[in-house]
């Protein structure tokens, strides 16, 4: 006579596999959220670095012509997404420029003495 398995046990295994699969999918989704956020922040940092690069080039040309750095984006002739750019300070010996991305809340600063940094320069 063949061995008879209880009917309930056969239903448990597929449910356990489905629950395990759903749990694994949830864990992977939770791990993907920070990775996506980090990727957006990295992209924002690259974009801000590019925008600050325009300020760096303009400040170098301005200092060459005038003997000091400018605190005015208009004087520097920097155009584009200016709401995200600012000259924090400027003088004969140096300057500090900052850029901000509101979507990712990423800030980046540049000074000739310190280079690019997420920390504000003065």
N, C-alpha and C. Protein backbone atom coordinates (compact mmCIF):
# COMPACT_ATOMS: atom_id res chain seq x y z
N UNK A 1 0.83 -1.16 0.00
CA UNK A 1 0.00 0.00 0.00
C UNK A 1 0.89 1.24 0.00
N UNK A 2 0.63 2.19 -0.89
CA UNK A 2 1.46 3.39 -0.96
C UNK A 2 1.30 4.25 0.28
N UNK A 3 2.38 4.94 0.58
CA UNK A 3 2.37 5.81 1.75
C UNK A 3 1.55 7.06 1.44
N UNK A 4 0.76 7.45 2.36
CA UNK A 4 -0.12 8.60 2.16
C UNK A 4 0.43 9.80 2.94
N UNK A 5 0.64 10.90 2.25
CA UNK A 5 1.09 12.12 2.92
C UNK A 5 -0.11 12.96 3.26
N UNK A 6 -0.01 13.65 4.38
CA UNK A 6 -1.13 14.54 4.72
C UNK A 6 -1.28 15.63 3.67
N UNK A 7 -2.48 15.98 3.36
CA UNK A 7 -2.80 16.98 2.34
C UNK A 7 -2.28 18.36 2.73
N UNK A 8 -2.27 18.69 3.99
CA UNK A 8 -1.83 20.01 4.46
C UNK A 8 -0.35 20.27 4.16
N UNK A 9 0.50 19.31 4.38
CA UNK A 9 1.94 19.49 4.20
C UNK A 9 2.27 19.90 2.77
N UNK A 10 1.54 19.39 1.81
CA UNK A 10 1.83 19.75 0.43
C UNK A 10 1.50 21.21 0.15
N UNK A 11 0.61 21.82 0.89
CA UNK A 11 0.27 23.22 0.70
C UNK A 11 1.23 24.16 1.41
N UNK A 12 1.89 23.69 2.45
CA UNK A 12 2.79 24.54 3.22
C UNK A 12 4.04 24.91 2.44
N UNK A 13 4.62 23.96 1.76
CA UNK A 13 5.89 24.21 1.06
C UNK A 13 5.76 25.33 0.02
N UNK A 14 4.78 25.35 -0.88
CA UNK A 14 4.67 26.46 -1.84
C UNK A 14 4.46 27.80 -1.14
N UNK A 15 3.70 27.80 -0.07
CA UNK A 15 3.47 29.06 0.67
C UNK A 15 4.76 29.55 1.30
N UNK A 16 5.55 28.63 1.85
CA UNK A 16 6.83 29.02 2.46
C UNK A 16 7.78 29.57 1.41
N UNK A 17 7.82 28.93 0.27
CA UNK A 17 8.69 29.38 -0.82
C UNK A 17 8.24 30.76 -1.28
N UNK A 18 6.94 30.97 -1.42
CA UNK A 18 6.41 32.27 -1.84
C UNK A 18 6.72 33.33 -0.80
N UNK A 19 6.55 32.99 0.48
CA UNK A 19 6.83 33.95 1.54
C UNK A 19 8.32 34.29 1.58
N UNK A 20 9.16 33.28 1.41
CA UNK A 20 10.60 33.50 1.38
C UNK A 20 10.98 34.38 0.19
N UNK A 21 10.39 34.12 -0.97
CA UNK A 21 10.65 34.93 -2.16
C UNK A 21 10.20 36.37 -1.96
N UNK A 22 9.04 36.57 -1.37
CA UNK A 22 8.55 37.92 -1.12
C UNK A 22 9.44 38.65 -0.11
N UNK A 23 9.88 37.94 0.90
CA UNK A 23 10.77 38.54 1.89
C UNK A 23 12.10 38.93 1.28
N UNK A 24 12.64 38.07 0.44
CA UNK A 24 13.90 38.36 -0.25
C UNK A 24 13.75 39.56 -1.17
N UNK A 25 12.63 39.63 -1.88
CA UNK A 25 12.38 40.77 -2.77
C UNK A 25 12.28 42.07 -1.96
N UNK A 26 11.65 42.02 -0.80
CA UNK A 26 11.53 43.22 0.04
C UNK A 26 12.90 43.68 0.53
N UNK A 27 13.73 42.74 0.94
CA UNK A 27 15.09 43.09 1.41
C UNK A 27 15.89 43.71 0.27
N UNK A 28 15.82 43.13 -0.91
CA UNK A 28 16.54 43.68 -2.06
C UNK A 28 16.04 45.08 -2.42
N UNK A 29 14.74 45.29 -2.31
CA UNK A 29 14.18 46.62 -2.59
C UNK A 29 14.69 47.63 -1.58
N UNK A 30 14.75 47.25 -0.32
CA UNK A 30 15.25 48.16 0.72
C UNK A 30 16.71 48.49 0.50
N UNK A 31 17.48 47.54 0.02
CA UNK A 31 18.89 47.79 -0.26
C UNK A 31 19.06 48.69 -1.49
N UNK A 32 18.14 48.63 -2.42
CA UNK A 32 18.23 49.41 -3.66
C UNK A 32 17.94 50.88 -3.42
N UNK A 33 17.11 51.21 -2.43
CA UNK A 33 16.75 52.61 -2.17
C UNK A 33 17.97 53.45 -1.83
N UNK A 34 18.81 53.05 -0.86
CA UNK A 34 20.01 53.86 -0.59
C UNK A 34 20.96 53.91 -1.78
N UNK A 35 21.05 52.83 -2.52
CA UNK A 35 21.94 52.81 -3.69
C UNK A 35 21.46 53.81 -4.73
N UNK A 36 20.16 53.88 -4.97
CA UNK A 36 19.61 54.85 -5.93
C UNK A 36 19.83 56.26 -5.42
N UNK A 37 19.63 56.48 -4.12
CA UNK A 37 19.83 57.81 -3.53
C UNK A 37 21.30 58.22 -3.67
N UNK A 38 22.21 57.29 -3.41
CA UNK A 38 23.64 57.58 -3.54
C UNK A 38 24.01 57.90 -4.98
N UNK A 39 23.40 57.19 -5.92
CA UNK A 39 23.68 57.45 -7.34
C UNK A 39 23.21 58.84 -7.73
N UNK A 40 22.03 59.26 -7.23
CA UNK A 40 21.53 60.62 -7.52
C UNK A 40 22.45 61.65 -6.91
N UNK A 41 22.91 61.43 -5.69
CA UNK A 41 23.81 62.38 -5.04
C UNK A 41 25.14 62.46 -5.78
N UNK A 42 25.65 61.31 -6.25
CA UNK A 42 26.89 61.31 -7.02
C UNK A 42 26.72 62.09 -8.31
N UNK A 43 25.58 61.90 -8.97
CA UNK A 43 25.31 62.63 -10.21
C UNK A 43 25.20 64.13 -9.92
N UNK A 44 24.54 64.48 -8.82
CA UNK A 44 24.41 65.90 -8.44
C UNK A 44 25.79 66.49 -8.15
N UNK A 45 26.63 65.76 -7.45
CA UNK A 45 27.98 66.24 -7.15
C UNK A 45 28.77 66.48 -8.43
N UNK A 46 28.66 65.57 -9.38
CA UNK A 46 29.35 65.74 -10.67
C UNK A 46 28.86 67.01 -11.38
N UNK A 47 27.55 67.22 -11.36
CA UNK A 47 26.98 68.40 -12.01
C UNK A 47 27.42 69.68 -11.31
N UNK A 48 27.42 69.66 -9.98
CA UNK A 48 27.85 70.84 -9.23
C UNK A 48 29.34 71.11 -9.46
N UNK A 49 30.13 70.08 -9.53
CA UNK A 49 31.56 70.23 -9.81
C UNK A 49 31.76 70.89 -11.18
N UNK A 50 30.95 70.48 -12.15
CA UNK A 50 31.02 71.08 -13.49
C UNK A 50 30.65 72.57 -13.44
N UNK A 51 29.59 72.89 -12.70
CA UNK A 51 29.18 74.29 -12.59
C UNK A 51 30.24 75.12 -11.87
N UNK A 52 30.80 74.58 -10.81
CA UNK A 52 31.86 75.30 -10.10
C UNK A 52 33.11 75.43 -10.97
N UNK A 53 33.33 74.48 -11.84
CA UNK A 53 34.46 74.57 -12.77
C UNK A 53 34.37 75.80 -13.65
N UNK A 54 33.14 76.16 -14.05
CA UNK A 54 32.96 77.40 -14.84
C UNK A 54 33.33 78.62 -14.01
N UNK A 55 32.99 78.60 -12.72
CA UNK A 55 33.34 79.72 -11.83
C UNK A 55 34.85 79.78 -11.65
N UNK A 56 35.49 78.64 -11.48
CA UNK A 56 36.94 78.58 -11.30
C UNK A 56 37.65 79.21 -12.51
N UNK A 57 37.23 78.81 -13.70
CA UNK A 57 37.84 79.37 -14.91
C UNK A 57 37.60 80.87 -15.01
N UNK A 58 36.38 81.29 -14.70
CA UNK A 58 36.05 82.72 -14.77
C UNK A 58 36.82 83.52 -13.72
N UNK A 59 36.97 82.99 -12.53
CA UNK A 59 37.73 83.68 -11.47
C UNK A 59 39.20 83.82 -11.87
N UNK A 60 39.76 82.78 -12.47
CA UNK A 60 41.17 82.85 -12.91
C UNK A 60 41.35 83.94 -13.95
N UNK A 61 40.45 84.01 -14.91
CA UNK A 61 40.54 85.05 -15.95
C UNK A 61 40.33 86.44 -15.35
N UNK A 62 39.39 86.56 -14.42
CA UNK A 62 39.11 87.85 -13.79
C UNK A 62 40.32 88.31 -12.97
N UNK A 63 40.90 87.42 -12.19
CA UNK A 63 42.06 87.77 -11.37
C UNK A 63 43.24 88.18 -12.24
N UNK A 64 43.41 87.51 -13.35
CA UNK A 64 44.49 87.86 -14.28
C UNK A 64 44.32 89.28 -14.81
N UNK A 65 43.08 89.66 -15.09
CA UNK A 65 42.80 90.98 -15.66
C UNK A 65 42.72 92.08 -14.62
N UNK A 66 42.27 91.75 -13.38
CA UNK A 66 41.99 92.79 -12.39
C UNK A 66 42.85 92.73 -11.13
N UNK A 67 43.62 91.70 -10.96
CA UNK A 67 44.50 91.62 -9.79
C UNK A 67 43.84 91.12 -8.52
N UNK A 68 42.56 90.80 -8.56
CA UNK A 68 41.89 90.17 -7.42
C UNK A 68 40.69 89.39 -7.95
N UNK A 69 40.07 88.64 -7.06
CA UNK A 69 38.95 87.80 -7.45
C UNK A 69 37.64 88.58 -7.29
N UNK A 70 36.59 88.14 -7.96
CA UNK A 70 35.30 88.82 -7.93
C UNK A 70 34.30 88.08 -7.05
N UNK A 71 33.43 88.85 -6.42
CA UNK A 71 32.34 88.28 -5.63
C UNK A 71 31.03 88.30 -6.41
N UNK A 72 31.08 88.62 -7.70
CA UNK A 72 29.88 88.77 -8.50
C UNK A 72 29.88 87.80 -9.69
N UNK A 73 28.84 86.99 -9.76
CA UNK A 73 28.70 86.10 -10.91
C UNK A 73 28.50 86.90 -12.19
N UNK A 74 27.81 88.05 -12.09
CA UNK A 74 27.62 88.91 -13.25
C UNK A 74 28.96 89.42 -13.77
N UNK A 75 29.81 89.91 -12.86
CA UNK A 75 31.14 90.38 -13.26
C UNK A 75 31.96 89.27 -13.92
N UNK A 76 31.76 88.06 -13.44
CA UNK A 76 32.50 86.92 -13.98
C UNK A 76 31.91 86.44 -15.31
N UNK A 77 30.68 86.87 -15.60
CA UNK A 77 30.03 86.43 -16.82
C UNK A 77 29.55 84.99 -16.77
N UNK A 78 29.32 84.49 -15.57
CA UNK A 78 28.84 83.12 -15.41
C UNK A 78 27.32 83.13 -15.59
N UNK A 79 26.85 82.32 -16.53
CA UNK A 79 25.42 82.24 -16.81
C UNK A 79 24.96 80.81 -16.58
N UNK A 80 23.68 80.60 -16.72
CA UNK A 80 23.14 79.25 -16.55
C UNK A 80 22.36 79.14 -15.26
N UNK A 81 22.44 78.00 -14.60
CA UNK A 81 21.67 77.71 -13.38
C UNK A 81 22.26 78.48 -12.20
N UNK A 82 22.15 79.79 -12.25
CA UNK A 82 22.79 80.62 -11.23
C UNK A 82 22.12 80.57 -9.88
N UNK A 83 20.87 80.14 -9.82
CA UNK A 83 20.21 80.02 -8.52
C UNK A 83 20.93 79.00 -7.66
N UNK A 84 21.69 78.11 -8.29
CA UNK A 84 22.42 77.08 -7.57
C UNK A 84 23.85 77.49 -7.25
N UNK A 85 24.30 78.63 -7.75
CA UNK A 85 25.68 79.07 -7.57
C UNK A 85 25.75 80.33 -6.74
N UNK A 86 26.84 80.47 -5.99
CA UNK A 86 27.07 81.70 -5.22
C UNK A 86 28.57 81.85 -4.97
N UNK A 87 29.00 83.11 -4.95
CA UNK A 87 30.36 83.41 -4.50
C UNK A 87 30.21 83.76 -3.02
N UNK A 88 30.74 82.94 -2.17
CA UNK A 88 30.60 83.13 -0.72
C UNK A 88 31.48 84.28 -0.25
N UNK A 89 32.70 84.34 -0.75
CA UNK A 89 33.62 85.42 -0.41
C UNK A 89 34.66 85.55 -1.51
N UNK A 90 35.23 86.74 -1.63
CA UNK A 90 36.27 86.96 -2.63
C UNK A 90 37.13 88.14 -2.20
N UNK A 91 38.38 88.10 -2.58
CA UNK A 91 39.31 89.17 -2.27
C UNK A 91 40.57 89.03 -3.09
N UNK A 92 41.61 89.76 -2.75
CA UNK A 92 42.83 89.71 -3.55
C UNK A 92 43.57 88.37 -3.45
N UNK A 93 43.38 87.65 -2.35
CA UNK A 93 44.15 86.42 -2.13
C UNK A 93 43.40 85.12 -2.43
N UNK A 94 42.11 85.19 -2.60
CA UNK A 94 41.36 83.97 -2.85
C UNK A 94 39.87 84.21 -2.88
N UNK A 95 39.12 83.13 -3.01
CA UNK A 95 37.66 83.22 -3.04
C UNK A 95 37.09 81.88 -2.60
N UNK A 96 35.80 81.89 -2.34
CA UNK A 96 35.06 80.67 -2.02
C UNK A 96 33.78 80.72 -2.84
N UNK A 97 33.54 79.67 -3.60
CA UNK A 97 32.32 79.56 -4.39
C UNK A 97 31.56 78.32 -3.94
N UNK A 98 30.24 78.40 -3.99
CA UNK A 98 29.43 77.26 -3.59
C UNK A 98 28.36 76.96 -4.62
N UNK A 99 27.94 75.71 -4.65
CA UNK A 99 26.87 75.27 -5.53
C UNK A 99 25.98 74.32 -4.74
N UNK A 100 24.68 74.35 -5.06
CA UNK A 100 23.70 73.57 -4.30
C UNK A 100 22.69 72.94 -5.23
N UNK A 101 22.36 71.68 -4.99
CA UNK A 101 21.32 70.97 -5.72
C UNK A 101 20.17 70.74 -4.75
N UNK A 102 19.04 71.43 -4.99
CA UNK A 102 17.89 71.34 -4.09
C UNK A 102 17.20 69.99 -4.09
N UNK A 103 17.23 69.27 -5.21
CA UNK A 103 16.56 67.96 -5.26
C UNK A 103 17.22 66.95 -4.35
N UNK A 104 18.55 66.93 -4.35
CA UNK A 104 19.27 65.95 -3.54
C UNK A 104 19.84 66.56 -2.26
N UNK A 105 19.66 67.87 -2.13
CA UNK A 105 20.22 68.61 -0.98
C UNK A 105 21.72 68.40 -0.87
N UNK A 106 22.38 68.44 -2.02
CA UNK A 106 23.82 68.27 -2.09
C UNK A 106 24.47 69.62 -2.27
N UNK A 107 25.45 69.92 -1.44
CA UNK A 107 26.21 71.18 -1.56
C UNK A 107 27.67 70.85 -1.83
N UNK A 108 28.30 71.70 -2.62
CA UNK A 108 29.70 71.55 -2.92
C UNK A 108 30.33 72.93 -2.97
N UNK A 109 31.52 73.05 -2.42
CA UNK A 109 32.23 74.33 -2.37
C UNK A 109 33.59 74.19 -3.03
N UNK A 110 34.14 75.35 -3.44
CA UNK A 110 35.47 75.36 -4.00
C UNK A 110 36.20 76.60 -3.54
N UNK A 111 37.45 76.42 -3.17
CA UNK A 111 38.36 77.53 -2.94
C UNK A 111 39.71 77.11 -3.50
N UNK A 112 40.51 78.07 -4.00
CA UNK A 112 41.82 77.70 -4.52
C UNK A 112 42.70 77.02 -3.47
N UNK A 113 42.54 77.42 -2.22
CA UNK A 113 43.36 76.84 -1.15
C UNK A 113 42.92 75.44 -0.77
N UNK A 114 41.61 75.18 -0.80
CA UNK A 114 41.11 73.89 -0.32
C UNK A 114 40.59 72.96 -1.39
N UNK A 115 40.41 73.44 -2.62
CA UNK A 115 39.84 72.61 -3.68
C UNK A 115 38.37 72.36 -3.45
N UNK A 116 37.85 71.29 -4.04
CA UNK A 116 36.43 70.94 -3.91
C UNK A 116 36.21 70.28 -2.56
N UNK A 117 35.08 70.66 -1.92
CA UNK A 117 34.77 70.09 -0.62
C UNK A 117 33.27 70.21 -0.34
N UNK A 118 32.69 69.25 0.38
CA UNK A 118 31.29 69.38 0.80
C UNK A 118 31.16 70.34 1.99
N UNK A 119 32.29 70.75 2.57
CA UNK A 119 32.26 71.68 3.71
C UNK A 119 32.44 73.10 3.22
N UNK A 120 31.68 73.99 3.82
CA UNK A 120 31.74 75.39 3.42
C UNK A 120 33.11 76.00 3.70
N UNK A 121 33.58 76.76 2.74
CA UNK A 121 34.83 77.51 2.91
C UNK A 121 34.45 78.97 3.17
N UNK A 122 35.42 79.77 3.53
CA UNK A 122 35.09 81.18 3.77
C UNK A 122 36.16 82.07 3.18
